[in-house]
Amino acid sequence: MGIVSPGFQGRPRSQETALPPGQYLTEDFPVLSAGPTPRVSLDTWEFVLAAENGAEYRWSWQELMALPQETPTVDIHCVTRWSKFGTTWQGVSLDTLLDGVDTGAHFALAQSYGGYTTNLPLDDLRGGQAWVVHTFEGAPLAPEHGGPARLLVPHLYFWKSAKWVRGIQLKTMDEPGFWETAGYHDYGDPWREQRYQGD
């Protein structure tokens, strides 16, 4: 008689293989912030996309909500080594916000209420890879998780998904943000463990 019962498949391997190196799986949603949580009124909230030529594109909360909405389900990976699988969000694709923007920029600097910034290659905000999200698991995004709206760039470490996002500056030269100037990696690919400069 065999040691394994017929039909036993073992633990699902899909989750094991989807976990980047050095990460552990969590069912929680840890709260990590570099400073106090800003409280932003929806009446005054706006998102500003500033091109390198000085042109600005602005959306109020109502205007953002009137844009086509998407509901991505993605895995997220924090540089502090936790990963959370199958998170569902709702928001506006950066492809929608960048549509019609005349730019020769190759970089972007995300800016947040509260002063936080983070840099990304512009290509990483295109092609269905990034959103400005306002809903998490069917409920309005809580302030401690970046509400009313945050950037979501799930293929990079989660510090690149700037909380309380208020805009993006398009740039011809890369400009490190808050954590990058403190020694974090400029890109932050979890599959290559790009946690710190030199990784």
N, C-alpha and C. Protein backbone atom coordinates (compact mmCIF):
# COMPACT_ATOMS: atom_id res chain seq x y z
N MET A 1 0.84 -1.19 0.00
CA MET A 1 0.00 0.00 0.00
C MET A 1 0.87 1.24 0.00
N GLY A 2 0.51 2.21 -0.83
CA GLY A 2 1.32 3.41 -0.94
C GLY A 2 1.18 4.32 0.28
N ILE A 3 2.14 5.18 0.46
CA ILE A 3 2.14 6.12 1.58
C ILE A 3 1.13 7.24 1.35
N VAL A 4 0.93 7.63 0.10
CA VAL A 4 0.04 8.74 -0.23
C VAL A 4 -1.30 8.21 -0.68
N SER A 5 -2.39 8.73 -0.12
CA SER A 5 -3.74 8.30 -0.49
C SER A 5 -4.03 8.63 -1.95
N PRO A 6 -4.81 7.77 -2.64
CA PRO A 6 -5.17 8.07 -4.03
C PRO A 6 -5.88 9.42 -4.12
N GLY A 7 -5.53 10.18 -5.11
CA GLY A 7 -6.16 11.48 -5.32
C GLY A 7 -5.51 12.61 -4.56
N PHE A 8 -4.56 12.32 -3.66
CA PHE A 8 -3.90 13.38 -2.91
C PHE A 8 -2.89 14.08 -3.83
N GLN A 9 -3.03 15.37 -3.94
CA GLN A 9 -2.17 16.13 -4.84
C GLN A 9 -1.11 16.94 -4.11
N GLY A 10 -1.15 16.93 -2.78
CA GLY A 10 -0.21 17.77 -2.04
C GLY A 10 -0.69 19.21 -2.00
N ARG A 11 0.13 20.09 -1.50
CA ARG A 11 -0.23 21.50 -1.42
C ARG A 11 -0.19 22.12 -2.81
N PRO A 12 -1.09 23.06 -3.09
CA PRO A 12 -1.07 23.71 -4.40
C PRO A 12 0.28 24.36 -4.66
N ARG A 13 0.83 24.11 -5.82
CA ARG A 13 2.16 24.63 -6.12
C ARG A 13 2.11 25.98 -6.79
N SER A 14 0.92 26.42 -7.25
CA SER A 14 0.84 27.68 -7.96
C SER A 14 1.25 28.83 -7.06
N GLN A 15 0.83 28.80 -5.79
CA GLN A 15 1.20 29.88 -4.88
C GLN A 15 2.68 29.84 -4.56
N GLU A 16 3.23 28.64 -4.39
CA GLU A 16 4.64 28.53 -4.08
C GLU A 16 5.49 29.10 -5.21
N THR A 17 5.12 28.79 -6.45
CA THR A 17 5.92 29.25 -7.57
C THR A 17 5.71 30.73 -7.87
N ALA A 18 4.60 31.32 -7.35
CA ALA A 18 4.32 32.73 -7.63
C ALA A 18 4.93 33.66 -6.58
N LEU A 19 5.65 33.11 -5.62
CA LEU A 19 6.23 33.92 -4.55
C LEU A 19 7.66 34.31 -4.93
N PRO A 20 7.94 35.61 -5.03
CA PRO A 20 9.31 36.02 -5.38
C PRO A 20 10.31 35.58 -4.31
N PRO A 21 11.58 35.51 -4.66
CA PRO A 21 12.59 35.06 -3.69
C PRO A 21 12.65 36.00 -2.49
N GLY A 22 12.83 35.39 -1.31
CA GLY A 22 12.97 36.18 -0.09
C GLY A 22 11.67 36.67 0.51
N GLN A 23 10.52 36.33 -0.10
CA GLN A 23 9.22 36.80 0.37
C GLN A 23 8.50 35.71 1.15
N TYR A 24 7.58 36.12 2.04
CA TYR A 24 6.68 35.18 2.70
C TYR A 24 5.25 35.63 2.45
N LEU A 25 4.34 34.67 2.46
CA LEU A 25 2.95 34.94 2.16
C LEU A 25 2.21 35.40 3.41
N THR A 26 1.36 36.43 3.27
CA THR A 26 0.53 36.87 4.38
C THR A 26 -0.92 36.97 3.92
N GLU A 27 -1.83 36.74 4.84
CA GLU A 27 -3.26 36.96 4.59
C GLU A 27 -3.67 38.35 5.06
N ASP A 28 -2.84 38.98 5.89
CA ASP A 28 -3.11 40.32 6.38
C ASP A 28 -2.74 41.35 5.33
N PHE A 29 -2.97 42.61 5.66
CA PHE A 29 -2.52 43.71 4.81
C PHE A 29 -1.78 44.68 5.72
N PRO A 30 -0.47 44.44 5.94
CA PRO A 30 0.29 45.28 6.86
C PRO A 30 0.27 46.75 6.45
N VAL A 31 0.29 47.62 7.45
CA VAL A 31 0.30 49.07 7.22
C VAL A 31 1.70 49.58 7.50
N LEU A 32 2.34 50.12 6.48
CA LEU A 32 3.67 50.71 6.61
C LEU A 32 3.66 52.08 5.95
N SER A 33 4.12 53.08 6.68
CA SER A 33 4.15 54.45 6.14
C SER A 33 5.40 55.16 6.64
N ALA A 34 5.88 56.10 5.84
CA ALA A 34 7.07 56.86 6.21
C ALA A 34 6.74 58.05 7.10
N GLY A 35 5.46 58.36 7.27
CA GLY A 35 5.07 59.51 8.07
C GLY A 35 3.60 59.41 8.43
N PRO A 36 3.03 60.51 8.92
CA PRO A 36 1.61 60.49 9.29
C PRO A 36 0.71 60.31 8.08
N THR A 37 -0.48 59.79 8.34
CA THR A 37 -1.46 59.55 7.28
C THR A 37 -2.19 60.84 6.94
N PRO A 38 -2.04 61.34 5.70
CA PRO A 38 -2.79 62.55 5.33
C PRO A 38 -4.28 62.25 5.21
N ARG A 39 -5.09 63.20 5.59
CA ARG A 39 -6.55 63.09 5.43
C ARG A 39 -6.94 64.08 4.34
N VAL A 40 -7.35 63.56 3.19
CA VAL A 40 -7.61 64.38 2.01
C VAL A 40 -9.10 64.36 1.70
N SER A 41 -9.71 65.53 1.66
CA SER A 41 -11.13 65.63 1.32
C SER A 41 -11.32 65.36 -0.17
N LEU A 42 -12.38 64.62 -0.49
CA LEU A 42 -12.68 64.37 -1.90
C LEU A 42 -13.07 65.65 -2.62
N ASP A 43 -13.54 66.65 -1.89
CA ASP A 43 -13.91 67.94 -2.50
C ASP A 43 -12.70 68.70 -3.01
N THR A 44 -11.54 68.48 -2.39
CA THR A 44 -10.34 69.21 -2.80
C THR A 44 -9.31 68.32 -3.49
N TRP A 45 -9.51 66.99 -3.45
CA TRP A 45 -8.56 66.07 -4.08
C TRP A 45 -8.49 66.35 -5.58
N GLU A 46 -7.28 66.28 -6.12
CA GLU A 46 -7.12 66.29 -7.57
C GLU A 46 -5.86 65.53 -7.94
N PHE A 47 -5.85 65.06 -9.17
CA PHE A 47 -4.69 64.36 -9.71
C PHE A 47 -4.17 65.19 -10.87
N VAL A 48 -2.87 65.50 -10.84
CA VAL A 48 -2.26 66.35 -11.86
C VAL A 48 -1.15 65.57 -12.56
N LEU A 49 -1.28 65.43 -13.86
CA LEU A 49 -0.25 64.83 -14.69
C LEU A 49 0.48 65.96 -15.39
N ALA A 50 1.76 66.16 -15.06
CA ALA A 50 2.54 67.27 -15.59
C ALA A 50 3.56 66.74 -16.59
N ALA A 51 3.45 67.19 -17.83
CA ALA A 51 4.40 66.79 -18.87
C ALA A 51 5.68 67.61 -18.74
N GLU A 52 6.73 67.12 -19.35
CA GLU A 52 8.03 67.80 -19.25
C GLU A 52 8.04 69.14 -19.98
N ASN A 53 7.07 69.37 -20.87
CA ASN A 53 7.00 70.65 -21.58
C ASN A 53 6.17 71.69 -20.84
N GLY A 54 5.72 71.36 -19.63
CA GLY A 54 4.95 72.31 -18.83
C GLY A 54 3.45 72.13 -18.91
N ALA A 55 2.97 71.34 -19.86
CA ALA A 55 1.52 71.10 -19.97
C ALA A 55 1.04 70.28 -18.77
N GLU A 56 -0.14 70.63 -18.27
CA GLU A 56 -0.72 69.92 -17.13
C GLU A 56 -2.10 69.40 -17.49
N TYR A 57 -2.40 68.20 -17.00
CA TYR A 57 -3.68 67.56 -17.20
C TYR A 57 -4.22 67.26 -15.80
N ARG A 58 -5.44 67.76 -15.51
CA ARG A 58 -5.98 67.68 -14.15
C ARG A 58 -7.32 66.95 -14.12
N TRP A 59 -7.50 66.19 -13.04
CA TRP A 59 -8.77 65.51 -12.81
C TRP A 59 -9.20 65.73 -11.37
N SER A 60 -10.42 66.18 -11.18
CA SER A 60 -11.02 66.20 -9.84
C SER A 60 -11.44 64.78 -9.50
N TRP A 61 -11.91 64.58 -8.26
CA TRP A 61 -12.39 63.26 -7.87
C TRP A 61 -13.55 62.81 -8.76
N GLN A 62 -14.47 63.73 -9.01
CA GLN A 62 -15.63 63.39 -9.83
C GLN A 62 -15.21 63.05 -11.25
N GLU A 63 -14.23 63.79 -11.77
CA GLU A 63 -13.75 63.52 -13.13
C GLU A 63 -13.01 62.19 -13.21
N LEU A 64 -12.25 61.86 -12.17
CA LEU A 64 -11.57 60.56 -12.14
C LEU A 64 -12.58 59.42 -12.14
N MET A 65 -13.63 59.58 -11.33
CA MET A 65 -14.63 58.52 -11.23
C MET A 65 -15.46 58.37 -12.51
N ALA A 66 -15.50 59.41 -13.33
CA ALA A 66 -16.25 59.36 -14.58
C ALA A 66 -15.46 58.68 -15.70
N LEU A 67 -14.14 58.48 -15.50
CA LEU A 67 -13.31 57.81 -16.50
C LEU A 67 -13.59 56.31 -16.50
N PRO A 68 -13.24 55.61 -17.59
CA PRO A 68 -13.40 54.15 -17.60
C PRO A 68 -12.66 53.51 -16.43
N GLN A 69 -13.35 52.62 -15.73
CA GLN A 69 -12.81 51.97 -14.54
C GLN A 69 -12.40 50.54 -14.87
N GLU A 70 -11.33 50.08 -14.24
CA GLU A 70 -10.87 48.71 -14.38
C GLU A 70 -10.80 48.06 -13.00
N THR A 71 -10.88 46.74 -12.96
CA THR A 71 -10.84 46.00 -11.69
C THR A 71 -9.76 44.94 -11.75
N PRO A 72 -8.49 45.34 -11.59
CA PRO A 72 -7.41 44.36 -11.64
C PRO A 72 -7.34 43.51 -10.37
N THR A 73 -7.05 42.23 -10.54
CA THR A 73 -6.73 41.35 -9.41
C THR A 73 -5.27 40.96 -9.57
N VAL A 74 -4.46 41.34 -8.58
CA VAL A 74 -3.00 41.23 -8.71
C VAL A 74 -2.39 40.77 -7.39
N ASP A 75 -1.17 40.25 -7.47
CA ASP A 75 -0.36 39.96 -6.30
C ASP A 75 0.48 41.19 -5.99
N ILE A 76 0.69 41.46 -4.70
CA ILE A 76 1.52 42.59 -4.31
C ILE A 76 2.66 42.11 -3.42
N HIS A 77 3.81 42.79 -3.51
CA HIS A 77 5.02 42.34 -2.84
C HIS A 77 5.71 43.54 -2.19
N CYS A 78 5.85 43.50 -0.86
CA CYS A 78 6.49 44.59 -0.13
C CYS A 78 7.98 44.31 0.05
N VAL A 79 8.78 45.36 0.04
CA VAL A 79 10.22 45.21 0.22
C VAL A 79 10.55 44.67 1.61
N THR A 80 9.62 44.79 2.58
CA THR A 80 9.83 44.24 3.92
C THR A 80 9.58 42.74 3.95
N ARG A 81 9.36 42.14 2.79
CA ARG A 81 9.36 40.69 2.55
C ARG A 81 8.00 40.02 2.63
N TRP A 82 6.90 40.77 2.83
CA TRP A 82 5.60 40.10 2.75
C TRP A 82 5.04 40.23 1.35
N SER A 83 4.28 39.22 0.98
CA SER A 83 3.53 39.21 -0.29
C SER A 83 2.09 38.85 0.02
N LYS A 84 1.18 39.42 -0.74
CA LYS A 84 -0.24 39.12 -0.60
C LYS A 84 -0.77 38.78 -1.98
N PHE A 85 -1.40 37.63 -2.09
CA PHE A 85 -1.87 37.15 -3.39
C PHE A 85 -3.33 37.55 -3.63
N GLY A 86 -3.66 37.74 -4.89
CA GLY A 86 -5.04 37.88 -5.33
C GLY A 86 -5.79 39.08 -4.80
N THR A 87 -5.12 40.22 -4.68
CA THR A 87 -5.80 41.43 -4.21
C THR A 87 -6.58 42.06 -5.36
N THR A 88 -7.78 42.55 -5.07
CA THR A 88 -8.64 43.12 -6.11
C THR A 88 -8.88 44.60 -5.83
N TRP A 89 -8.68 45.38 -6.84
CA TRP A 89 -8.74 46.84 -6.75
C TRP A 89 -9.69 47.36 -7.83
N GLN A 90 -10.04 48.63 -7.72
CA GLN A 90 -10.74 49.31 -8.81
C GLN A 90 -10.13 50.69 -8.98
N GLY A 91 -9.97 51.09 -10.24
CA GLY A 91 -9.41 52.40 -10.51
C GLY A 91 -9.27 52.65 -11.99
N VAL A 92 -8.46 53.64 -12.30
CA VAL A 92 -8.28 54.11 -13.67
C VAL A 92 -6.87 53.75 -14.14
N SER A 93 -6.78 53.13 -15.29
CA SER A 93 -5.49 52.76 -15.85
C SER A 93 -4.68 54.01 -16.19
N LEU A 94 -3.37 53.93 -15.97
CA LEU A 94 -2.50 55.02 -16.41
C LEU A 94 -2.52 55.17 -17.91
N ASP A 95 -2.85 54.10 -18.64
CA ASP A 95 -3.01 54.22 -20.09
C ASP A 95 -4.10 55.23 -20.42
N THR A 96 -5.18 55.22 -19.66
CA THR A 96 -6.27 56.17 -19.88
C THR A 96 -5.81 57.59 -19.58
N LEU A 97 -5.10 57.78 -18.47
CA LEU A 97 -4.65 59.11 -18.08
C LEU A 97 -3.59 59.65 -19.03
N LEU A 98 -2.77 58.77 -19.57
CA LEU A 98 -1.70 59.20 -20.47
C LEU A 98 -2.16 59.34 -21.92
N ASP A 99 -3.37 58.88 -22.22
CA ASP A 99 -3.87 58.94 -23.60
C ASP A 99 -3.95 60.39 -24.06
N GLY A 100 -3.30 60.70 -25.16
CA GLY A 100 -3.32 62.04 -25.70
C GLY A 100 -2.29 62.99 -25.13
N VAL A 101 -1.50 62.52 -24.16
CA VAL A 101 -0.45 63.36 -23.58
C VAL A 101 0.76 63.33 -24.50
N ASP A 102 1.17 64.50 -24.97
CA ASP A 102 2.34 64.62 -25.85
C ASP A 102 3.59 64.67 -24.99
N THR A 103 4.38 63.61 -25.03
CA THR A 103 5.57 63.56 -24.18
C THR A 103 6.69 62.78 -24.86
N GLY A 104 7.90 63.23 -24.61
CA GLY A 104 9.08 62.48 -25.00
C GLY A 104 9.81 61.95 -23.78
N ALA A 105 9.15 62.03 -22.62
CA ALA A 105 9.77 61.62 -21.35
C ALA A 105 9.92 60.10 -21.29
N HIS A 106 10.91 59.68 -20.53
CA HIS A 106 11.13 58.25 -20.29
C HIS A 106 10.97 57.89 -18.82
N PHE A 107 10.77 58.89 -17.97
CA PHE A 107 10.69 58.65 -16.53
C PHE A 107 9.49 59.38 -15.95
N ALA A 108 9.10 58.93 -14.77
CA ALA A 108 7.99 59.55 -14.06
C ALA A 108 8.35 59.66 -12.59
N LEU A 109 7.86 60.72 -11.96
CA LEU A 109 8.01 60.89 -10.51
C LEU A 109 6.62 61.02 -9.93
N ALA A 110 6.19 59.99 -9.19
CA ALA A 110 4.89 60.03 -8.54
C ALA A 110 4.99 60.89 -7.29
N GLN A 111 3.97 61.72 -7.06
CA GLN A 111 3.95 62.63 -5.92
C GLN A 111 2.68 62.40 -5.11
N SER A 112 2.83 62.49 -3.78
CA SER A 112 1.73 62.17 -2.89
C SER A 112 1.39 63.35 -1.99
N TYR A 113 0.13 63.38 -1.55
CA TYR A 113 -0.22 64.25 -0.44
C TYR A 113 0.60 63.79 0.76
N GLY A 114 1.22 64.73 1.45
CA GLY A 114 2.12 64.38 2.54
C GLY A 114 3.58 64.49 2.15
N GLY A 115 3.87 64.64 0.83
CA GLY A 115 5.23 64.90 0.40
C GLY A 115 6.02 63.71 -0.11
N TYR A 116 5.48 62.50 -0.04
CA TYR A 116 6.19 61.32 -0.51
C TYR A 116 6.34 61.35 -2.02
N THR A 117 7.47 60.85 -2.52
CA THR A 117 7.70 60.72 -3.96
C THR A 117 8.36 59.37 -4.25
N THR A 118 8.17 58.87 -5.46
CA THR A 118 8.90 57.69 -5.92
C THR A 118 9.04 57.75 -7.43
N ASN A 119 10.17 57.27 -7.94
CA ASN A 119 10.46 57.35 -9.37
C ASN A 119 10.21 56.01 -10.05
N LEU A 120 9.77 56.09 -11.31
CA LEU A 120 9.51 54.89 -12.12
C LEU A 120 9.83 55.20 -13.58
N PRO A 121 10.26 54.19 -14.34
CA PRO A 121 10.32 54.36 -15.79
C PRO A 121 8.89 54.53 -16.32
N LEU A 122 8.71 55.44 -17.26
CA LEU A 122 7.37 55.68 -17.80
C LEU A 122 6.80 54.42 -18.44
N ASP A 123 7.65 53.60 -19.07
CA ASP A 123 7.16 52.36 -19.69
C ASP A 123 6.49 51.43 -18.69
N ASP A 124 6.87 51.53 -17.41
CA ASP A 124 6.27 50.68 -16.39
C ASP A 124 4.90 51.16 -15.93
N LEU A 125 4.49 52.33 -16.40
CA LEU A 125 3.14 52.83 -16.11
C LEU A 125 2.20 52.59 -17.28
N ARG A 126 2.72 52.06 -18.38
CA ARG A 126 1.92 51.84 -19.58
C ARG A 126 1.67 50.35 -19.80
N GLY A 127 0.84 50.06 -20.79
CA GLY A 127 0.62 48.67 -21.19
C GLY A 127 -0.17 47.85 -20.18
N GLY A 128 -1.11 48.49 -19.47
CA GLY A 128 -1.94 47.76 -18.52
C GLY A 128 -1.20 47.31 -17.28
N GLN A 129 -0.14 48.05 -16.90
CA GLN A 129 0.68 47.66 -15.75
C GLN A 129 0.44 48.50 -14.51
N ALA A 130 -0.30 49.62 -14.63
CA ALA A 130 -0.40 50.55 -13.50
C ALA A 130 -1.75 51.26 -13.51
N TRP A 131 -2.23 51.60 -12.30
CA TRP A 131 -3.53 52.24 -12.13
C TRP A 131 -3.46 53.26 -11.01
N VAL A 132 -4.38 54.23 -11.04
CA VAL A 132 -4.71 55.03 -9.87
C VAL A 132 -5.97 54.39 -9.30
N VAL A 133 -5.84 53.76 -8.12
CA VAL A 133 -6.93 52.97 -7.56
C VAL A 133 -7.54 53.66 -6.35
N HIS A 134 -8.85 53.46 -6.19
CA HIS A 134 -9.61 54.08 -5.10
C HIS A 134 -10.42 53.07 -4.31
N THR A 135 -10.44 51.81 -4.75
CA THR A 135 -11.25 50.78 -4.11
C THR A 135 -10.40 49.53 -3.90
N PHE A 136 -10.53 48.93 -2.72
CA PHE A 136 -9.81 47.70 -2.41
C PHE A 136 -10.81 46.68 -1.88
N GLU A 137 -10.87 45.52 -2.53
CA GLU A 137 -11.78 44.44 -2.17
C GLU A 137 -13.22 44.94 -2.02
N GLY A 138 -13.63 45.79 -2.95
CA GLY A 138 -15.02 46.23 -3.02
C GLY A 138 -15.38 47.39 -2.11
N ALA A 139 -14.45 47.91 -1.33
CA ALA A 139 -14.73 49.02 -0.41
C ALA A 139 -13.80 50.19 -0.71
N PRO A 140 -14.21 51.43 -0.38
CA PRO A 140 -13.32 52.57 -0.59
C PRO A 140 -11.98 52.33 0.11
N LEU A 141 -10.91 52.70 -0.56
CA LEU A 141 -9.57 52.48 -0.05
C LEU A 141 -9.37 53.26 1.26
N ALA A 142 -9.01 52.55 2.32
CA ALA A 142 -8.84 53.18 3.64
C ALA A 142 -7.64 54.12 3.63
N PRO A 143 -7.71 55.21 4.40
CA PRO A 143 -6.59 56.16 4.43
C PRO A 143 -5.25 55.51 4.78
N GLU A 144 -5.24 54.56 5.70
CA GLU A 144 -3.96 53.94 6.09
C GLU A 144 -3.35 53.10 4.97
N HIS A 145 -4.16 52.74 3.97
CA HIS A 145 -3.64 52.02 2.81
C HIS A 145 -3.50 52.92 1.58
N GLY A 146 -3.62 54.23 1.81
CA GLY A 146 -3.36 55.16 0.71
C GLY A 146 -4.56 55.90 0.19
N GLY A 147 -5.75 55.66 0.79
CA GLY A 147 -6.95 56.34 0.32
C GLY A 147 -6.92 57.83 0.58
N PRO A 148 -7.59 58.60 -0.26
CA PRO A 148 -8.63 58.13 -1.16
C PRO A 148 -8.13 57.44 -2.44
N ALA A 149 -6.90 57.68 -2.85
CA ALA A 149 -6.39 57.03 -4.06
C ALA A 149 -4.89 56.83 -3.95
N ARG A 150 -4.44 55.72 -4.49
CA ARG A 150 -3.01 55.43 -4.52
C ARG A 150 -2.64 54.92 -5.90
N LEU A 151 -1.36 54.96 -6.17
CA LEU A 151 -0.82 54.34 -7.37
C LEU A 151 -0.73 52.84 -7.12
N LEU A 152 -0.99 52.04 -8.13
CA LEU A 152 -0.84 50.59 -8.04
C LEU A 152 0.02 50.13 -9.21
N VAL A 153 1.24 49.68 -8.88
CA VAL A 153 2.19 49.17 -9.87
C VAL A 153 2.65 47.81 -9.35
N PRO A 154 1.82 46.77 -9.50
CA PRO A 154 2.05 45.52 -8.76
C PRO A 154 3.26 44.71 -9.18
N HIS A 155 3.83 44.97 -10.34
CA HIS A 155 4.99 44.17 -10.75
C HIS A 155 6.28 44.67 -10.11
N LEU A 156 6.22 45.78 -9.37
CA LEU A 156 7.37 46.29 -8.63
C LEU A 156 7.08 46.22 -7.14
N TYR A 157 8.14 46.31 -6.32
CA TYR A 157 7.93 46.36 -4.87
C TYR A 157 6.92 47.45 -4.53
N PHE A 158 6.19 47.25 -3.45
CA PHE A 158 5.00 48.05 -3.18
C PHE A 158 5.31 49.50 -2.80
N TRP A 159 6.57 49.83 -2.45
CA TRP A 159 6.85 51.24 -2.17
C TRP A 159 6.73 52.09 -3.44
N LYS A 160 6.78 51.44 -4.60
CA LYS A 160 6.58 52.15 -5.86
C LYS A 160 5.11 52.50 -6.11
N SER A 161 4.20 51.84 -5.39
CA SER A 161 2.76 52.11 -5.51
C SER A 161 2.39 53.20 -4.52
N ALA A 162 2.76 54.42 -4.84
CA ALA A 162 2.68 55.54 -3.91
C ALA A 162 1.28 55.72 -3.33
N LYS A 163 1.22 55.76 -1.98
CA LYS A 163 -0.03 56.06 -1.30
C LYS A 163 -0.39 57.53 -1.49
N TRP A 164 -1.68 57.84 -1.32
CA TRP A 164 -2.20 59.21 -1.32
C TRP A 164 -1.74 60.01 -2.55
N VAL A 165 -1.71 59.34 -3.67
CA VAL A 165 -1.13 59.94 -4.87
C VAL A 165 -1.91 61.19 -5.29
N ARG A 166 -1.19 62.20 -5.68
CA ARG A 166 -1.83 63.44 -6.13
C ARG A 166 -1.36 63.85 -7.52
N GLY A 167 -0.36 63.14 -8.06
CA GLY A 167 0.08 63.50 -9.39
C GLY A 167 1.32 62.75 -9.83
N ILE A 168 1.65 62.94 -11.10
CA ILE A 168 2.85 62.36 -11.69
C ILE A 168 3.50 63.41 -12.57
N GLN A 169 4.78 63.59 -12.37
CA GLN A 169 5.58 64.46 -13.23
C GLN A 169 6.33 63.59 -14.23
N LEU A 170 6.20 63.92 -15.50
CA LEU A 170 6.95 63.22 -16.53
C LEU A 170 8.29 63.90 -16.71
N LYS A 171 9.35 63.10 -16.81
CA LYS A 171 10.71 63.67 -16.80
C LYS A 171 11.58 63.02 -17.87
N THR A 172 12.49 63.81 -18.41
CA THR A 172 13.44 63.29 -19.39
C THR A 172 14.63 62.64 -18.70
N MET A 173 14.86 63.00 -17.42
CA MET A 173 15.96 62.40 -16.63
C MET A 173 15.36 61.77 -15.38
N ASP A 174 15.92 60.65 -14.97
CA ASP A 174 15.44 59.97 -13.77
C ASP A 174 15.75 60.80 -12.53
N GLU A 175 14.79 60.89 -11.63
CA GLU A 175 14.97 61.64 -10.39
C GLU A 175 14.54 60.75 -9.22
N PRO A 176 15.47 60.33 -8.38
CA PRO A 176 15.11 59.44 -7.28
C PRO A 176 14.07 60.08 -6.35
N GLY A 177 13.22 59.23 -5.78
CA GLY A 177 12.22 59.69 -4.84
C GLY A 177 12.67 59.52 -3.41
N PHE A 178 11.69 59.49 -2.49
CA PHE A 178 11.98 59.48 -1.05
C PHE A 178 12.84 58.30 -0.63
N TRP A 179 12.37 57.08 -0.88
CA TRP A 179 13.13 55.90 -0.43
C TRP A 179 14.36 55.66 -1.28
N GLU A 180 14.31 56.06 -2.54
CA GLU A 180 15.47 55.85 -3.42
C GLU A 180 16.66 56.70 -2.96
N THR A 181 16.39 57.91 -2.50
CA THR A 181 17.50 58.74 -2.00
C THR A 181 18.02 58.22 -0.67
N ALA A 182 17.23 57.36 0.00
CA ALA A 182 17.66 56.76 1.27
C ALA A 182 18.35 55.42 1.06
N GLY A 183 18.57 55.02 -0.20
CA GLY A 183 19.33 53.81 -0.46
C GLY A 183 18.54 52.67 -1.06
N TYR A 184 17.23 52.84 -1.25
CA TYR A 184 16.45 51.79 -1.90
C TYR A 184 16.75 51.78 -3.40
N HIS A 185 16.48 50.65 -4.04
CA HIS A 185 16.77 50.46 -5.45
C HIS A 185 15.95 51.42 -6.31
N ASP A 186 16.53 51.90 -7.40
CA ASP A 186 15.79 52.82 -8.28
C ASP A 186 14.63 52.13 -8.99
N TYR A 187 14.75 50.83 -9.25
CA TYR A 187 13.70 50.13 -10.01
C TYR A 187 12.80 49.30 -9.10
N GLY A 188 13.36 48.33 -8.38
CA GLY A 188 12.58 47.59 -7.40
C GLY A 188 11.81 46.40 -7.94
N ASP A 189 12.48 45.53 -8.70
CA ASP A 189 11.85 44.32 -9.22
C ASP A 189 11.91 43.23 -8.15
N PRO A 190 10.76 42.76 -7.64
CA PRO A 190 10.80 41.74 -6.59
C PRO A 190 11.36 40.40 -7.06
N TRP A 191 11.26 40.09 -8.33
CA TRP A 191 11.75 38.81 -8.83
C TRP A 191 13.27 38.79 -8.92
N ARG A 192 13.89 39.98 -8.94
CA ARG A 192 15.35 40.09 -8.92
C ARG A 192 15.86 40.58 -7.58
N GLU A 193 14.98 40.65 -6.59
CA GLU A 193 15.30 41.13 -5.24
C GLU A 193 16.05 42.47 -5.26
N GLN A 194 15.51 43.38 -6.02
CA GLN A 194 16.12 44.72 -6.11
C GLN A 194 15.60 45.60 -4.97
N ARG A 195 16.08 45.28 -3.77
CA ARG A 195 15.60 46.01 -2.59
C ARG A 195 16.41 47.30 -2.37
N TYR A 196 17.71 47.21 -2.52
CA TYR A 196 18.58 48.34 -2.18
C TYR A 196 19.53 48.60 -3.34
N GLN A 197 20.11 49.80 -3.35
CA GLN A 197 21.07 50.16 -4.38
C GLN A 197 22.19 49.10 -4.42
N GLY A 198 22.51 48.64 -5.61
CA GLY A 198 23.54 47.61 -5.76
C GLY A 198 22.99 46.20 -5.87
N ASP A 199 21.71 46.00 -5.52
CA ASP A 199 21.11 44.67 -5.64
C ASP A 199 20.91 44.31 -7.10
